[in-house]
């Protein structure tokens, strides 16, 4: 098994001799086996343990066991451990226990990586975990990207023990009389993984003894096919997408030219946490009325007239500021200047305007658009809904929510970067100001 492990590490280039290695260890059979095998290969490593405080004394005993093990193994350089109650974290963040545990775990891993405790972190996933994850993702209606299951490496996390089956690890532990901790929650059927592990896979293996081996090989084929598909799709996706500092744009017409546009869209949006069902819903409304918004946990998407626009959630609003008199002001990531002038020359620069503001209009405010706002564009009699002005200017919903307005009470005086109101057009020489704005 040691030869097999060394070969797997070298074949997949998981780490170099100069890399500092961490091992995520729970105290269970798999991670303890990993610790002994690394020690036998004379690979120095740091133990990393997360105590989720879910099983009272049992959780405390797990940590004590690992601390004692870290002193016992020659090539273990020590242990880094954290205790955080996953149930409390889940309640505070509206997550399941498993989601909370994952967030806590990887947040801690990231912190240790950033503080140079390790270069690569080993997790003790094995081939049975691979097959179980395949079934979980199959049940959750995943495409190839999900069915390829657990990657051998992702960022700094590496999984050399995917070289082995659970039976091989069990045999190694038994042969070497290795002690480990048994997690009682592994027997609970409230977790989908445990149901698949204990109820679904065993009867299949009973009738098809080579099922696990063949499934692992099938997953390897799926990974290879997915890599090839990714390579080809990246070139096609590049043709239908563009981006700027804030948004990703997807051209609707070109997207719809593909045989299965929802598949292409999922390939684009998967990393922004949109699922396949959402992608199908987005495609279904592309020929309808524009303006429909879809959200993932981290991003929001709007179906505009000719394109789909994606940006980060909760990045639209700007802070509101009050302008009592001429001067320089900062708000959000903008800088605005208001300067009284006696002589002026009109500029074609949309970020600079000459306006007349009598004293009764002060104080001014800079704020976001709000529903019901009306605007009287320069040269127009009467007013119109500002939302209609945005439509006329082809300003999408995300940009609309980020466009600052200079106002006096509820009167919009300037849609910054677009148009001033007829209310502040210059008709004399008194109370004339040059106002300008820019990114700060």
Protein backbone atom coordinates (compact mmCIF):
# COMPACT_ATOMS: atom_id res chain seq x y z
CA UNK A 1 0.00 0.00 0.00
CA UNK A 2 2.87 2.39 0.69
CA UNK A 3 4.26 1.80 -2.80
CA UNK A 4 0.79 2.36 -4.26
CA UNK A 5 0.42 5.61 -2.31
CA UNK A 6 3.84 6.93 -3.41
CA UNK A 7 3.04 6.08 -7.03
CA UNK A 8 -0.36 7.83 -6.83
CA UNK A 9 1.22 10.99 -5.36
CA UNK A 10 3.92 11.08 -8.06
CA UNK A 11 1.54 10.28 -10.93
CA UNK A 12 -0.83 13.10 -9.96
CA UNK A 13 1.95 15.50 -8.86
CA UNK A 14 0.19 16.18 -5.58
CA UNK A 15 3.11 17.79 -3.77
CA UNK A 16 6.84 18.43 -3.92
CA UNK A 17 9.52 17.55 -1.37
CA UNK A 18 9.75 21.23 -0.40
CA UNK A 19 6.00 21.53 0.38
CA UNK A 20 4.84 21.82 3.98
CA UNK A 21 2.10 19.23 4.45
CA UNK A 22 -1.00 19.40 6.63
CA UNK A 23 -3.34 16.50 7.37
CA UNK A 24 -7.00 17.08 8.22
CA UNK A 25 -7.67 14.55 10.97
CA UNK A 26 -10.89 13.73 12.81
CA UNK A 27 -9.66 10.74 14.83
CA UNK A 28 -11.66 8.31 12.69
CA UNK A 29 -10.24 5.27 10.93
CA UNK A 30 -9.49 6.89 7.56
CA UNK A 31 -7.63 9.97 8.75
CA UNK A 32 -5.74 8.06 11.47
CA UNK A 33 -4.68 5.50 8.85
CA UNK A 34 -3.49 8.41 6.69
CA UNK A 35 -1.39 9.72 9.60
CA UNK A 36 0.30 6.34 10.13
CA UNK A 37 1.02 5.89 6.41
CA UNK A 38 2.52 9.38 6.05
CA UNK A 39 4.65 8.66 9.12
CA UNK A 40 5.80 5.34 7.65
CA UNK A 41 6.75 7.11 4.40
CA UNK A 42 8.77 9.59 6.52
CA UNK A 43 6.73 12.55 5.24
CA UNK A 44 6.65 15.37 7.80
CA UNK A 45 3.16 16.72 8.41
CA UNK A 46 1.08 18.93 10.69
CA UNK A 47 -2.21 17.59 12.09
CA UNK A 48 -5.22 19.90 11.66
CA UNK A 49 -8.32 19.13 13.74
CA UNK A 50 -11.73 20.81 13.94
CA UNK A 51 -13.84 20.05 17.01
CA UNK A 52 -17.47 20.79 16.08
CA UNK A 53 -18.60 20.28 19.70
CA UNK A 54 -21.61 18.21 18.59
CA UNK A 55 -21.13 15.08 20.71
CA UNK A 56 -20.14 16.47 24.10
CA UNK A 57 -17.54 14.33 25.86
CA UNK A 58 -17.10 12.18 22.76
CA UNK A 59 -15.91 15.25 20.79
CA UNK A 60 -13.51 16.20 23.61
CA UNK A 61 -12.13 12.64 23.73
CA UNK A 62 -11.57 12.73 19.95
CA UNK A 63 -9.37 15.81 20.34
CA UNK A 64 -7.41 14.30 23.26
CA UNK A 65 -6.84 11.14 21.23
CA UNK A 66 -5.44 13.16 18.32
CA UNK A 67 -3.21 15.23 20.61
CA UNK A 68 -1.73 12.01 22.05
CA UNK A 69 -1.31 10.57 18.54
CA UNK A 70 0.55 13.69 17.39
CA UNK A 71 3.15 13.06 20.10
CA UNK A 72 3.41 9.38 19.23
CA UNK A 73 4.19 9.70 15.49
CA UNK A 74 7.80 10.67 14.76
CA UNK A 75 7.12 12.67 11.61
CA UNK A 76 4.17 14.62 12.98
CA UNK A 77 5.29 18.21 13.63
CA UNK A 78 2.41 18.98 15.97
CA UNK A 79 -1.27 19.86 15.89
CA UNK A 80 -3.42 22.90 15.12
CA UNK A 81 -6.97 22.61 16.48
CA UNK A 82 -10.06 24.76 16.78
CA UNK A 83 -13.31 24.27 18.68
CA UNK A 84 -16.50 25.81 17.32
CA UNK A 85 -20.05 24.60 17.89
CA UNK A 86 -21.47 23.72 14.47
CA UNK A 87 -25.07 23.70 15.74
CA UNK A 88 -24.83 27.27 17.01
CA UNK A 89 -23.10 28.36 13.80
CA UNK A 90 -25.84 26.67 11.73
CA UNK A 91 -28.62 28.42 13.67
CA UNK A 92 -26.90 31.81 13.41
CA UNK A 93 -26.33 31.47 9.67
CA UNK A 94 -29.49 29.58 8.64
CA UNK A 95 -27.54 26.52 7.49
CA UNK A 96 -27.80 22.77 7.93
CA UNK A 97 -25.35 21.21 10.39
CA UNK A 98 -23.37 19.71 7.51
CA UNK A 99 -23.17 23.04 5.67
CA UNK A 100 -22.11 24.79 8.87
CA UNK A 101 -19.42 22.19 9.55
CA UNK A 102 -18.06 22.59 6.04
CA UNK A 103 -17.92 26.39 6.33
CA UNK A 104 -16.19 26.22 9.72
CA UNK A 105 -13.76 23.60 8.49
CA UNK A 106 -12.68 25.36 5.31
CA UNK A 107 -12.59 28.78 6.92
CA UNK A 108 -10.10 27.36 9.44
CA UNK A 109 -8.11 25.61 6.70
CA UNK A 110 -7.90 28.87 4.73
CA UNK A 111 -6.72 30.75 7.81
CA UNK A 112 -3.95 28.22 8.48
CA UNK A 113 -2.91 28.20 4.82
CA UNK A 114 -2.70 31.99 4.73
CA UNK A 115 -0.57 32.02 7.87
CA UNK A 116 1.85 29.52 6.23
CA UNK A 117 1.17 26.54 8.49
CA UNK A 118 1.13 24.35 5.37
CA UNK A 119 1.37 24.51 1.57
CA UNK A 120 -0.82 21.48 0.84
CA UNK A 121 -3.53 19.95 3.00
CA UNK A 122 -4.35 16.24 2.76
CA UNK A 123 -7.86 14.98 3.39
CA UNK A 124 -8.32 11.22 3.82
CA UNK A 125 -11.10 10.67 1.26
CA UNK A 126 -10.95 7.22 -0.35
CA UNK A 127 -12.65 5.48 -3.26
CA UNK A 128 -15.80 4.61 -1.33
CA UNK A 129 -16.25 8.34 -0.55
CA UNK A 130 -15.87 8.92 -4.28
CA UNK A 131 -18.71 6.49 -5.10
CA UNK A 132 -20.94 7.80 -2.29
CA UNK A 133 -20.53 11.38 -3.55
CA UNK A 134 -21.37 10.17 -7.06
CA UNK A 135 -24.67 8.78 -5.74
CA UNK A 136 -25.41 11.91 -3.71
CA UNK A 137 -24.91 14.12 -6.76
CA UNK A 138 -26.88 11.71 -8.95
CA UNK A 139 -29.78 12.02 -6.48
CA UNK A 140 -29.43 15.83 -6.57
CA UNK A 141 -29.72 15.83 -10.38
CA UNK A 142 -26.13 16.81 -11.18
CA UNK A 143 -24.56 16.90 -14.62
CA UNK A 144 -21.10 15.60 -15.52
CA UNK A 145 -19.47 18.21 -13.31
CA UNK A 146 -21.15 16.74 -10.23
CA UNK A 147 -21.00 13.09 -11.28
CA UNK A 148 -17.21 13.25 -11.60
CA UNK A 149 -17.41 13.38 -7.80
CA UNK A 150 -14.47 14.35 -5.57
CA UNK A 151 -11.44 15.86 -7.34
CA UNK A 152 -7.98 14.52 -6.55
CA UNK A 153 -6.86 18.09 -5.95
CA UNK A 154 -8.61 21.42 -5.64
CA UNK A 155 -6.48 24.43 -4.81
CA UNK A 156 -4.25 23.52 -1.87
CA UNK A 157 -6.42 20.52 -0.84
CA UNK A 158 -5.11 17.16 -2.07
CA UNK A 159 -6.54 13.65 -1.71
CA UNK A 160 -3.83 10.99 -2.19
CA UNK A 161 -5.90 8.34 -0.39
CA UNK A 162 -8.30 8.16 -3.33
CA UNK A 163 -5.78 5.51 -4.37
CA UNK A 164 -7.45 3.10 -1.92
CA UNK A 165 -10.79 1.50 -1.21
CA UNK A 166 -12.33 1.41 2.27
CA UNK A 167 -11.48 -2.32 2.44
CA UNK A 168 -7.80 -1.64 1.76
CA UNK A 169 -7.69 0.98 4.51
CA UNK A 170 -9.51 -1.36 6.90
CA UNK A 171 -6.99 -4.11 6.10
CA UNK A 172 -4.02 -1.81 6.75
CA UNK A 173 -5.47 -0.64 10.08
CA UNK A 174 -6.22 -4.22 11.18
CA UNK A 175 -2.82 -5.56 10.12
CA UNK A 176 -0.99 -2.83 12.05
CA UNK A 177 -3.35 -2.90 15.08
CA UNK A 178 -4.00 0.82 14.75
CA UNK A 179 -6.40 2.36 17.25
CA UNK A 180 -8.88 5.01 16.12
CA UNK A 181 -12.07 6.73 17.28
CA UNK A 182 -15.51 5.64 16.07
CA UNK A 183 -17.89 8.55 15.35
CA UNK A 184 -21.36 7.52 16.55
CA UNK A 185 -23.00 9.92 14.06
CA UNK A 186 -21.75 7.68 11.22
CA UNK A 187 -24.61 5.31 12.04
CA UNK A 188 -27.31 7.98 11.86
CA UNK A 189 -29.61 7.72 8.84
CA UNK A 190 -30.63 11.36 9.03
CA UNK A 191 -27.58 12.01 6.83
CA UNK A 192 -27.97 11.09 3.16
CA UNK A 193 -24.36 9.89 2.91
CA UNK A 194 -24.89 7.34 5.69
CA UNK A 195 -28.04 6.04 4.00
CA UNK A 196 -26.19 5.55 0.72
CA UNK A 197 -23.17 4.01 2.50
CA UNK A 198 -25.12 1.56 4.67
CA UNK A 199 -28.39 0.93 2.82
CA UNK A 200 -27.90 1.56 -0.91
CA UNK A 201 -24.42 0.38 -1.87
CA UNK A 202 -24.10 -2.92 0.14
CA UNK A 203 -26.98 -4.76 -1.61
CA UNK A 204 -25.67 -3.65 -5.02
CA UNK A 205 -22.18 -4.93 -4.20
CA UNK A 206 -23.70 -8.20 -2.96
CA UNK A 207 -25.14 -8.90 -6.43
CA UNK A 208 -22.37 -7.15 -8.41
CA UNK A 209 -19.05 -7.66 -6.55
CA UNK A 210 -17.06 -5.45 -8.96
CA UNK A 211 -19.53 -2.58 -8.71
CA UNK A 212 -17.29 -0.26 -6.64
CA UNK A 213 -14.20 -0.84 -8.79
CA UNK A 214 -16.13 -0.33 -12.00
CA UNK A 215 -17.84 2.81 -10.68
CA UNK A 216 -14.47 4.30 -9.70
CA UNK A 217 -13.23 3.62 -13.25
CA UNK A 218 -16.40 5.16 -14.70
CA UNK A 219 -15.81 8.29 -12.59
CA UNK A 220 -12.26 8.46 -13.98
CA UNK A 221 -13.72 8.35 -17.50
CA UNK A 222 -16.22 11.08 -16.58
CA UNK A 223 -13.36 13.24 -15.29
CA UNK A 224 -11.44 12.81 -18.54
CA UNK A 225 -14.53 13.57 -20.63
CA UNK A 226 -15.32 16.59 -18.47
CA UNK A 227 -11.78 17.95 -18.88
CA UNK A 228 -12.09 17.57 -22.66
CA UNK A 229 -15.54 19.16 -22.69
CA UNK A 230 -14.29 22.03 -20.53
CA UNK A 231 -11.45 22.68 -22.94
CA UNK A 232 -13.80 22.86 -25.93
CA UNK A 233 -16.56 24.80 -24.16
CA UNK A 234 -14.20 27.48 -22.84
CA UNK A 235 -13.53 28.55 -26.42
CA UNK A 236 -17.24 28.68 -27.25
CA UNK A 237 -18.18 30.42 -23.98
CA UNK A 238 -15.54 33.07 -24.63
CA UNK A 239 -17.37 33.97 -27.85
CA UNK A 240 -20.70 34.63 -26.13
CA UNK A 241 -19.52 36.33 -22.92
CA UNK A 242 -17.79 39.56 -21.98
CA UNK A 243 -17.10 41.31 -18.69
CA UNK A 244 -16.09 44.55 -17.07
CA UNK A 245 -14.96 45.37 -13.54
CA UNK A 246 -18.43 44.64 -12.12
CA UNK A 247 -20.52 42.48 -14.45
CA UNK A 248 -20.47 39.38 -16.61
CA UNK A 249 -22.50 39.66 -19.85
CA UNK A 250 -23.92 36.72 -21.83
CA UNK A 251 -25.34 37.40 -25.31
CA UNK A 252 -28.85 35.94 -25.49
CA UNK A 253 -28.98 35.37 -29.25
CA UNK A 254 -25.70 33.46 -29.36
CA UNK A 255 -26.57 31.45 -26.26
CA UNK A 256 -29.86 30.34 -27.84
CA UNK A 257 -28.01 29.16 -30.97
CA UNK A 258 -26.67 26.12 -29.07
CA UNK A 259 -28.65 22.81 -29.19
CA UNK A 260 -29.03 22.80 -25.38
CA UNK A 261 -28.54 26.38 -24.19
CA UNK A 262 -29.36 25.50 -20.56
CA UNK A 263 -26.33 23.17 -20.52
CA UNK A 264 -24.04 25.96 -21.75
CA UNK A 265 -25.56 28.41 -19.29
CA UNK A 266 -25.03 25.97 -16.42
CA UNK A 267 -21.38 25.63 -17.43
CA UNK A 268 -21.05 29.41 -17.14
CA UNK A 269 -23.07 29.90 -13.95
CA UNK A 270 -22.19 26.82 -11.91
CA UNK A 271 -19.23 28.53 -10.22
CA UNK A 272 -21.57 31.36 -9.19
CA UNK A 273 -23.75 28.78 -7.34
CA UNK A 274 -26.69 28.70 -9.77
CA UNK A 275 -28.17 25.21 -10.20
CA UNK A 276 -29.33 23.50 -13.39
CA UNK A 277 -33.05 24.04 -12.65
CA UNK A 278 -32.44 27.80 -12.41
CA UNK A 279 -30.57 27.74 -15.72
CA UNK A 280 -33.54 26.05 -17.38
CA UNK A 281 -35.87 28.70 -15.91
CA UNK A 282 -33.59 31.48 -17.18
CA UNK A 283 -33.55 30.01 -20.71
CA UNK A 284 -37.36 29.64 -20.64
CA UNK A 285 -37.83 33.38 -20.05
CA UNK A 286 -35.25 34.69 -22.55
CA UNK A 287 -37.88 35.47 -25.17
CA UNK A 288 -40.27 37.04 -22.68
CA UNK A 289 -40.37 40.45 -21.01
CA UNK A 290 -36.94 41.61 -19.92
CA UNK A 291 -36.06 42.51 -16.33
CA UNK A 292 -36.61 39.17 -14.59
CA UNK A 293 -34.08 38.61 -11.79
CA UNK A 294 -32.62 35.31 -10.53
CA UNK A 295 -30.39 34.88 -7.48
CA UNK A 296 -27.92 32.37 -6.10
CA UNK A 297 -26.43 32.58 -2.61
CA UNK A 298 -23.68 34.88 -3.84
CA UNK A 299 -24.78 36.43 -7.14
CA UNK A 300 -27.75 37.97 -8.92
CA UNK A 301 -28.67 37.84 -12.58
CA UNK A 302 -31.03 39.90 -14.72
CA UNK A 303 -32.43 38.98 -18.12
CA UNK A 304 -32.01 42.21 -20.06
CA UNK A 305 -33.13 43.02 -23.61
CA UNK A 306 -30.23 41.52 -25.53
CA UNK A 307 -28.09 39.98 -22.82
CA UNK A 308 -27.99 38.27 -19.46
CA UNK A 309 -26.14 40.33 -16.84
CA UNK A 310 -24.57 38.83 -13.73
CA UNK A 311 -23.01 40.56 -10.74
CA UNK A 312 -22.30 40.06 -7.04
CA UNK A 313 -25.24 40.27 -4.67
CA UNK A 314 -25.78 43.33 -2.46
CA UNK A 315 -23.33 45.50 -4.36
CA UNK A 316 -25.90 47.81 -5.88
CA UNK A 317 -26.77 50.37 -3.27
CA UNK A 318 -24.79 53.54 -2.65
CA UNK A 319 -24.65 55.48 0.56
CA UNK A 320 -26.71 58.66 0.86
CA UNK A 321 -24.92 61.95 1.61
CA UNK A 322 -26.07 65.51 2.28
CA UNK A 323 -24.55 68.55 0.56
CA UNK A 324 -25.11 71.74 2.55
CA UNK A 325 -22.89 74.03 0.45
CA UNK A 326 -20.24 74.08 -2.23
CA UNK A 327 -17.26 71.82 -1.64
CA UNK A 328 -15.89 68.35 -2.26
CA UNK A 329 -17.68 65.22 -1.05
CA UNK A 330 -17.03 61.47 -1.09
CA UNK A 331 -19.67 58.74 -1.17
CA UNK A 332 -19.38 55.00 -1.87
CA UNK A 333 -16.55 54.87 -4.40
CA UNK A 334 -17.41 58.28 -5.91
CA UNK A 335 -16.09 61.80 -5.49
CA UNK A 336 -18.37 64.79 -6.23
CA UNK A 337 -17.50 68.48 -6.42
CA UNK A 338 -19.83 71.51 -6.25
CA UNK A 339 -18.20 74.84 -7.06
CA UNK A 340 -19.85 78.26 -7.49
CA UNK A 341 -18.71 80.01 -10.71
CA UNK A 342 -19.15 83.38 -12.43
CA UNK A 343 -17.99 82.35 -15.88
CA UNK A 344 -18.43 79.04 -17.59
CA UNK A 345 -18.18 77.05 -20.77
CA UNK A 346 -20.37 74.03 -21.36
CA UNK A 347 -18.57 70.70 -21.55
CA UNK A 348 -19.43 67.56 -23.49
CA UNK A 349 -18.14 65.56 -20.55
CA UNK A 350 -21.18 63.77 -19.07
CA UNK A 351 -19.49 63.72 -15.67
CA UNK A 352 -19.49 67.53 -15.50
CA UNK A 353 -22.51 69.85 -15.64
CA UNK A 354 -23.22 73.59 -15.27
CA UNK A 355 -26.37 74.01 -13.18
CA UNK A 356 -28.25 76.78 -11.40
CA UNK A 357 -29.18 76.01 -7.79
CA UNK A 358 -31.01 78.77 -5.88
CA UNK A 359 -30.59 78.82 -2.06
CA UNK A 360 -34.04 77.32 -1.38
CA UNK A 361 -32.97 74.04 -3.04
CA UNK A 362 -30.34 73.37 -0.37
CA UNK A 363 -29.53 71.05 1.27
CA UNK A 364 -28.95 68.66 -1.62
CA UNK A 365 -28.68 64.91 -1.32
CA UNK A 366 -26.98 62.22 -3.36
CA UNK A 367 -28.84 58.92 -3.20
CA UNK A 368 -30.09 55.85 -5.03
CA UNK A 369 -33.12 55.63 -7.26
CA UNK A 370 -36.33 54.69 -5.48
CA UNK A 371 -39.65 53.55 -6.86
CA UNK A 372 -41.91 56.46 -7.86
CA UNK A 373 -39.07 58.93 -8.55
CA UNK A 374 -39.95 61.40 -11.32
CA UNK A 375 -37.61 63.42 -13.49
CA UNK A 376 -37.91 66.39 -15.87
CA UNK A 377 -35.11 65.96 -18.43
CA UNK A 378 -33.56 69.15 -19.81
CA UNK A 379 -35.83 70.74 -22.41
CA UNK A 380 -38.92 68.73 -21.44
CA UNK A 381 -42.16 70.16 -20.09
CA UNK A 382 -43.69 68.13 -17.33
CA UNK A 383 -42.06 65.09 -15.77
CA UNK A 384 -41.73 61.37 -16.39
CA UNK A 385 -41.07 58.37 -14.20
CA UNK A 386 -37.35 57.98 -13.70
CA UNK A 387 -37.76 54.26 -14.38
CA UNK A 388 -39.02 55.18 -17.88
CA UNK A 389 -36.00 57.45 -18.35
CA UNK A 390 -33.74 54.52 -17.48
CA UNK A 391 -35.52 52.36 -20.05
CA UNK A 392 -35.12 55.10 -22.71
CA UNK A 393 -31.40 55.26 -21.90
CA UNK A 394 -31.13 51.45 -22.02
CA UNK A 395 -29.86 51.33 -18.44
CA UNK A 396 -30.22 47.82 -16.99
CA UNK A 397 -31.66 47.18 -13.53
CA UNK A 398 -28.27 46.68 -11.87
CA UNK A 399 -26.80 49.84 -13.33
CA UNK A 400 -30.02 51.71 -12.48
CA UNK A 401 -29.59 50.82 -8.82
CA UNK A 402 -25.99 52.02 -8.86
CA UNK A 403 -26.56 55.32 -10.71
CA UNK A 404 -26.28 58.24 -8.22
CA UNK A 405 -28.93 60.97 -8.22
CA UNK A 406 -28.41 64.58 -7.13
CA UNK A 407 -31.66 65.66 -5.49
CA UNK A 408 -33.36 68.51 -3.67
CA UNK A 409 -36.02 67.00 -1.44
CA UNK A 410 -37.77 64.58 -3.84
CA UNK A 411 -36.81 66.53 -6.99
CA UNK A 412 -34.17 64.77 -9.08
CA UNK A 413 -31.79 67.48 -10.35
CA UNK A 414 -29.18 65.36 -12.06
CA UNK A 415 -28.95 61.71 -13.04
CA UNK A 416 -25.20 61.63 -12.67
CA UNK A 417 -23.48 60.75 -15.90
CA UNK A 418 -26.64 61.06 -18.00
CA UNK A 419 -28.86 64.16 -17.84
CA UNK A 420 -29.68 67.23 -15.75
CA UNK A 421 -33.20 68.30 -14.92
CA UNK A 422 -34.87 71.25 -16.60
CA UNK A 423 -35.33 72.57 -13.02
CA UNK A 424 -31.62 73.49 -12.82
CA UNK A 425 -30.94 74.74 -16.34
CA UNK A 426 -28.98 78.00 -16.34
CA UNK A 427 -31.23 81.02 -16.97
CA UNK A 428 -29.17 83.79 -15.33
CA UNK A 429 -25.83 84.55 -13.72
CA UNK A 430 -26.73 84.03 -10.06
CA UNK A 431 -26.30 80.77 -8.13
CA UNK A 432 -24.51 78.98 -10.97
CA UNK A 433 -22.40 75.99 -10.04
CA UNK A 434 -20.05 73.67 -11.85
CA UNK A 435 -20.63 70.18 -10.53
CA UNK A 436 -18.65 67.08 -11.44
CA UNK A 437 -18.17 63.54 -10.21
CA UNK A 438 -15.76 60.70 -10.70
CA UNK A 439 -14.58 57.48 -9.16
CA UNK A 440 -12.57 58.19 -6.03
